[in-house]
N, C-alpha and C. Protein backbone atom coordinates (compact mmCIF):
# COMPACT_ATOMS: atom_id res chain seq x y z
N MET A 1 -13.81 34.11 -2.61
CA MET A 1 -13.16 32.89 -2.26
C MET A 1 -13.74 31.76 -3.13
N ALA A 2 -12.87 31.05 -3.81
CA ALA A 2 -13.30 29.99 -4.71
C ALA A 2 -13.63 28.73 -3.93
N LYS A 3 -14.62 28.01 -4.40
CA LYS A 3 -15.03 26.77 -3.76
C LYS A 3 -14.14 25.63 -4.25
N LYS A 4 -13.61 24.83 -3.31
CA LYS A 4 -12.75 23.71 -3.68
C LYS A 4 -13.59 22.52 -4.09
N THR A 5 -13.12 21.83 -5.08
CA THR A 5 -13.81 20.63 -5.52
C THR A 5 -13.41 19.46 -4.61
N SER A 6 -14.17 18.40 -4.65
CA SER A 6 -13.85 17.23 -3.84
C SER A 6 -12.54 16.59 -4.31
N PHE A 7 -12.25 16.69 -5.60
CA PHE A 7 -11.00 16.15 -6.12
C PHE A 7 -9.79 16.88 -5.53
N GLU A 8 -9.86 18.20 -5.46
CA GLU A 8 -8.75 18.97 -4.90
C GLU A 8 -8.54 18.64 -3.43
N GLY A 9 -9.62 18.46 -2.70
CA GLY A 9 -9.50 18.08 -1.30
C GLY A 9 -8.89 16.70 -1.13
N ARG A 10 -9.26 15.76 -2.01
CA ARG A 10 -8.72 14.41 -1.95
C ARG A 10 -7.23 14.41 -2.25
N VAL A 11 -6.81 15.19 -3.23
CA VAL A 11 -5.39 15.27 -3.58
C VAL A 11 -4.59 15.88 -2.43
N LYS A 12 -5.14 16.89 -1.80
CA LYS A 12 -4.46 17.54 -0.68
C LYS A 12 -4.31 16.57 0.50
N ARG A 13 -5.35 15.82 0.81
CA ARG A 13 -5.27 14.82 1.88
C ARG A 13 -4.27 13.73 1.53
N HIS A 14 -4.27 13.30 0.29
CA HIS A 14 -3.35 12.25 -0.16
C HIS A 14 -1.90 12.70 0.02
N LYS A 15 -1.58 13.92 -0.37
CA LYS A 15 -0.21 14.43 -0.22
C LYS A 15 0.18 14.55 1.24
N ARG A 16 -0.73 15.00 2.09
CA ARG A 16 -0.44 15.17 3.51
C ARG A 16 -0.17 13.81 4.17
N ILE A 17 -0.95 12.82 3.84
CA ILE A 17 -0.77 11.49 4.43
C ILE A 17 0.50 10.83 3.90
N ARG A 18 0.74 10.93 2.59
CA ARG A 18 1.91 10.28 1.99
C ARG A 18 3.21 10.90 2.47
N LYS A 19 3.17 12.18 2.89
CA LYS A 19 4.36 12.82 3.41
C LYS A 19 4.84 12.12 4.69
N ALA A 20 3.91 11.67 5.51
CA ALA A 20 4.26 11.00 6.76
C ALA A 20 4.56 9.52 6.56
N LEU A 21 4.00 8.91 5.56
CA LEU A 21 4.17 7.47 5.33
C LEU A 21 5.12 7.24 4.17
N ARG A 22 6.39 7.16 4.45
CA ARG A 22 7.40 7.00 3.43
C ARG A 22 8.24 5.78 3.78
N GLY A 23 8.35 4.82 2.87
CA GLY A 23 9.16 3.64 3.13
C GLY A 23 10.59 3.85 2.65
N THR A 24 11.56 3.44 3.45
CA THR A 24 12.97 3.56 3.10
C THR A 24 13.55 2.15 2.96
N PRO A 25 14.75 2.01 2.41
CA PRO A 25 15.36 0.68 2.34
C PRO A 25 15.59 0.07 3.72
N GLU A 26 15.89 0.91 4.72
CA GLU A 26 16.10 0.40 6.08
C GLU A 26 14.79 0.02 6.76
N ARG A 27 13.73 0.78 6.49
CA ARG A 27 12.42 0.52 7.09
C ARG A 27 11.34 0.67 6.02
N PRO A 28 11.10 -0.40 5.26
CA PRO A 28 10.14 -0.31 4.17
C PRO A 28 8.70 -0.23 4.68
N ARG A 29 7.82 0.18 3.79
CA ARG A 29 6.40 0.32 4.10
C ARG A 29 5.69 -0.99 3.79
N LEU A 30 4.79 -1.40 4.68
CA LEU A 30 4.00 -2.61 4.47
C LEU A 30 2.60 -2.19 4.06
N ALA A 31 2.17 -2.63 2.88
CA ALA A 31 0.83 -2.33 2.38
C ALA A 31 0.04 -3.64 2.34
N VAL A 32 -1.11 -3.64 3.01
CA VAL A 32 -1.95 -4.83 3.09
C VAL A 32 -3.29 -4.52 2.46
N PHE A 33 -3.74 -5.42 1.57
CA PHE A 33 -5.07 -5.30 0.97
C PHE A 33 -5.87 -6.52 1.38
N ARG A 34 -7.07 -6.28 1.89
CA ARG A 34 -7.92 -7.38 2.34
C ARG A 34 -9.23 -7.34 1.58
N SER A 35 -9.52 -8.42 0.88
CA SER A 35 -10.81 -8.56 0.22
C SER A 35 -11.64 -9.56 1.02
N LEU A 36 -12.81 -9.87 0.55
CA LEU A 36 -13.65 -10.82 1.27
C LEU A 36 -13.08 -12.24 1.23
N ARG A 37 -12.32 -12.55 0.20
CA ARG A 37 -11.81 -13.92 0.06
C ARG A 37 -10.31 -14.06 0.26
N HIS A 38 -9.53 -13.02 0.00
CA HIS A 38 -8.08 -13.16 0.00
C HIS A 38 -7.40 -11.98 0.70
N LEU A 39 -6.13 -12.19 1.03
CA LEU A 39 -5.26 -11.15 1.55
C LEU A 39 -4.09 -10.97 0.59
N SER A 40 -3.60 -9.75 0.52
CA SER A 40 -2.44 -9.45 -0.29
C SER A 40 -1.57 -8.47 0.48
N ALA A 41 -0.25 -8.70 0.50
CA ALA A 41 0.66 -7.82 1.22
C ALA A 41 1.87 -7.52 0.35
N GLN A 42 2.37 -6.28 0.46
CA GLN A 42 3.56 -5.85 -0.26
C GLN A 42 4.48 -5.12 0.70
N VAL A 43 5.78 -5.31 0.54
CA VAL A 43 6.79 -4.54 1.25
C VAL A 43 7.40 -3.61 0.22
N ILE A 44 7.29 -2.28 0.46
CA ILE A 44 7.60 -1.29 -0.57
C ILE A 44 8.70 -0.34 -0.09
N ASP A 45 9.67 -0.10 -0.97
CA ASP A 45 10.71 0.92 -0.77
C ASP A 45 10.31 2.13 -1.61
N ASP A 46 9.83 3.19 -0.96
CA ASP A 46 9.34 4.36 -1.68
C ASP A 46 10.47 5.23 -2.24
N ILE A 47 11.63 5.19 -1.66
CA ILE A 47 12.75 6.00 -2.15
C ILE A 47 13.13 5.57 -3.57
N ASN A 48 13.28 4.26 -3.77
CA ASN A 48 13.64 3.73 -5.08
C ASN A 48 12.42 3.41 -5.94
N GLY A 49 11.24 3.46 -5.36
CA GLY A 49 10.02 3.15 -6.11
C GLY A 49 9.91 1.69 -6.49
N LYS A 50 10.36 0.79 -5.61
CA LYS A 50 10.38 -0.64 -5.90
C LYS A 50 9.58 -1.41 -4.86
N THR A 51 8.93 -2.47 -5.31
CA THR A 51 8.31 -3.43 -4.41
C THR A 51 9.36 -4.48 -4.09
N ILE A 52 9.72 -4.61 -2.82
CA ILE A 52 10.76 -5.54 -2.41
C ILE A 52 10.25 -6.97 -2.48
N CYS A 53 9.08 -7.23 -1.92
CA CYS A 53 8.46 -8.54 -2.04
C CYS A 53 6.96 -8.40 -1.89
N SER A 54 6.25 -9.40 -2.36
CA SER A 54 4.79 -9.40 -2.24
C SER A 54 4.30 -10.83 -2.10
N ILE A 55 3.13 -10.97 -1.49
CA ILE A 55 2.51 -12.28 -1.32
C ILE A 55 1.00 -12.12 -1.42
N HIS A 56 0.36 -13.14 -1.95
CA HIS A 56 -1.09 -13.13 -2.10
C HIS A 56 -1.61 -14.46 -1.58
N SER A 57 -2.71 -14.45 -0.85
CA SER A 57 -3.21 -15.67 -0.22
C SER A 57 -3.70 -16.70 -1.23
N ALA A 58 -3.92 -16.32 -2.47
CA ALA A 58 -4.33 -17.28 -3.49
C ALA A 58 -3.13 -17.90 -4.21
N SER A 59 -1.90 -17.52 -3.82
CA SER A 59 -0.71 -18.06 -4.48
C SER A 59 -0.53 -19.54 -4.14
N LYS A 60 0.18 -20.26 -4.97
CA LYS A 60 0.34 -21.71 -4.81
C LYS A 60 1.09 -22.06 -3.53
N GLU A 61 2.00 -21.19 -3.08
CA GLU A 61 2.78 -21.48 -1.87
C GLU A 61 1.90 -21.47 -0.63
N LEU A 62 0.87 -20.64 -0.60
CA LEU A 62 0.04 -20.49 0.59
C LEU A 62 -1.26 -21.27 0.55
N THR A 63 -1.72 -21.69 -0.59
CA THR A 63 -3.05 -22.28 -0.71
C THR A 63 -3.19 -23.52 0.17
N GLY A 64 -2.20 -24.38 0.20
CA GLY A 64 -2.30 -25.59 1.01
C GLY A 64 -2.12 -25.34 2.49
N SER A 65 -1.31 -24.36 2.88
CA SER A 65 -1.01 -24.13 4.29
C SER A 65 -2.11 -23.37 5.03
N LEU A 66 -2.98 -22.68 4.32
CA LEU A 66 -4.02 -21.91 4.99
C LEU A 66 -5.24 -22.75 5.35
N GLY A 67 -5.36 -23.90 4.77
CA GLY A 67 -6.47 -24.79 5.15
C GLY A 67 -7.62 -24.78 4.25
């Protein structure tokens, strides 16, 4: 029995998780990234491979409203 590398295990987990998390045009996927200073969010349609919209807390539209 061959020993699996950590990379192979990571790829297998990635495929298993991505199979359940699929964004459609009717119900897109929301991806949020949080750093120590800023937030970033994207609404993604995985069927077409397109980002529908995105926002970043450092953008000019949000900088004044966040305080």
